[in-house]
């Protein structure tokens, strides 16, 4: 009897271990280090991997640079001040990627809010683990009322969240508008926005509470700017 209980316990612990360490990371965190360590930020924002035209990129929000910058950074450029930019999982710390070239670095573009095309698109130096999700772009146009989901790591959270919202149209800048539950989502900037099939439709960008309509409005950046960046860097 004791042997049976011991065997059952071993099986249970093995399954728990497998579920914890074999799960796919749907979203990562930006861990940014500068040559001057006083500007380091272990959670500058959220991020994800995206495969497009046979290449895999690490993506986050451009406005994350407001939380990952030195005092001298005034444009979309690190000015040789960056030591490393990593993309890590808080759930599975062994899942870590190092950023390579920032494709949309631009010394002529002022770091300002709201940013135009709220994407930072990095090449990656190391091959992604099979336990990190790699998204692909959705091809079909969105339909009003369609259910979408955004993911990200809120600040101080050890686990990511997945929030369901409803697509309610586009902004004047052609970004998405989502009706989502009221909540505190700081830290999720740069996370993926996907449809019910897991295809990527946008990137977590801006959000605000509409008092007049009494609802939370999210305005994810569309994928148009991402495609423009990559197509210009072929």
Foldseek 3Di string as FASTA:
>chain_A
DVVVVVVVVVVVVVVVVCVQAQAAAQKWFKFWAWPPRVLTDHGLAMWAWEDDPRAIKIKFFQLSVVSRADPPDFFQDNVNGTDWIKTAALSHRVFIWTFDDFLPRDPPGTNDPPDQQTMTITHTDDDGDPRYDYAYADDDDDDFQAKKWWKFAAPPRSDMDIWIWTWHQADPSRFTKTFTADDDRHSHGHTFMGGPVRHTFFTFGDKDADPVVRTIITTGRGCPVVCVSVVVVD
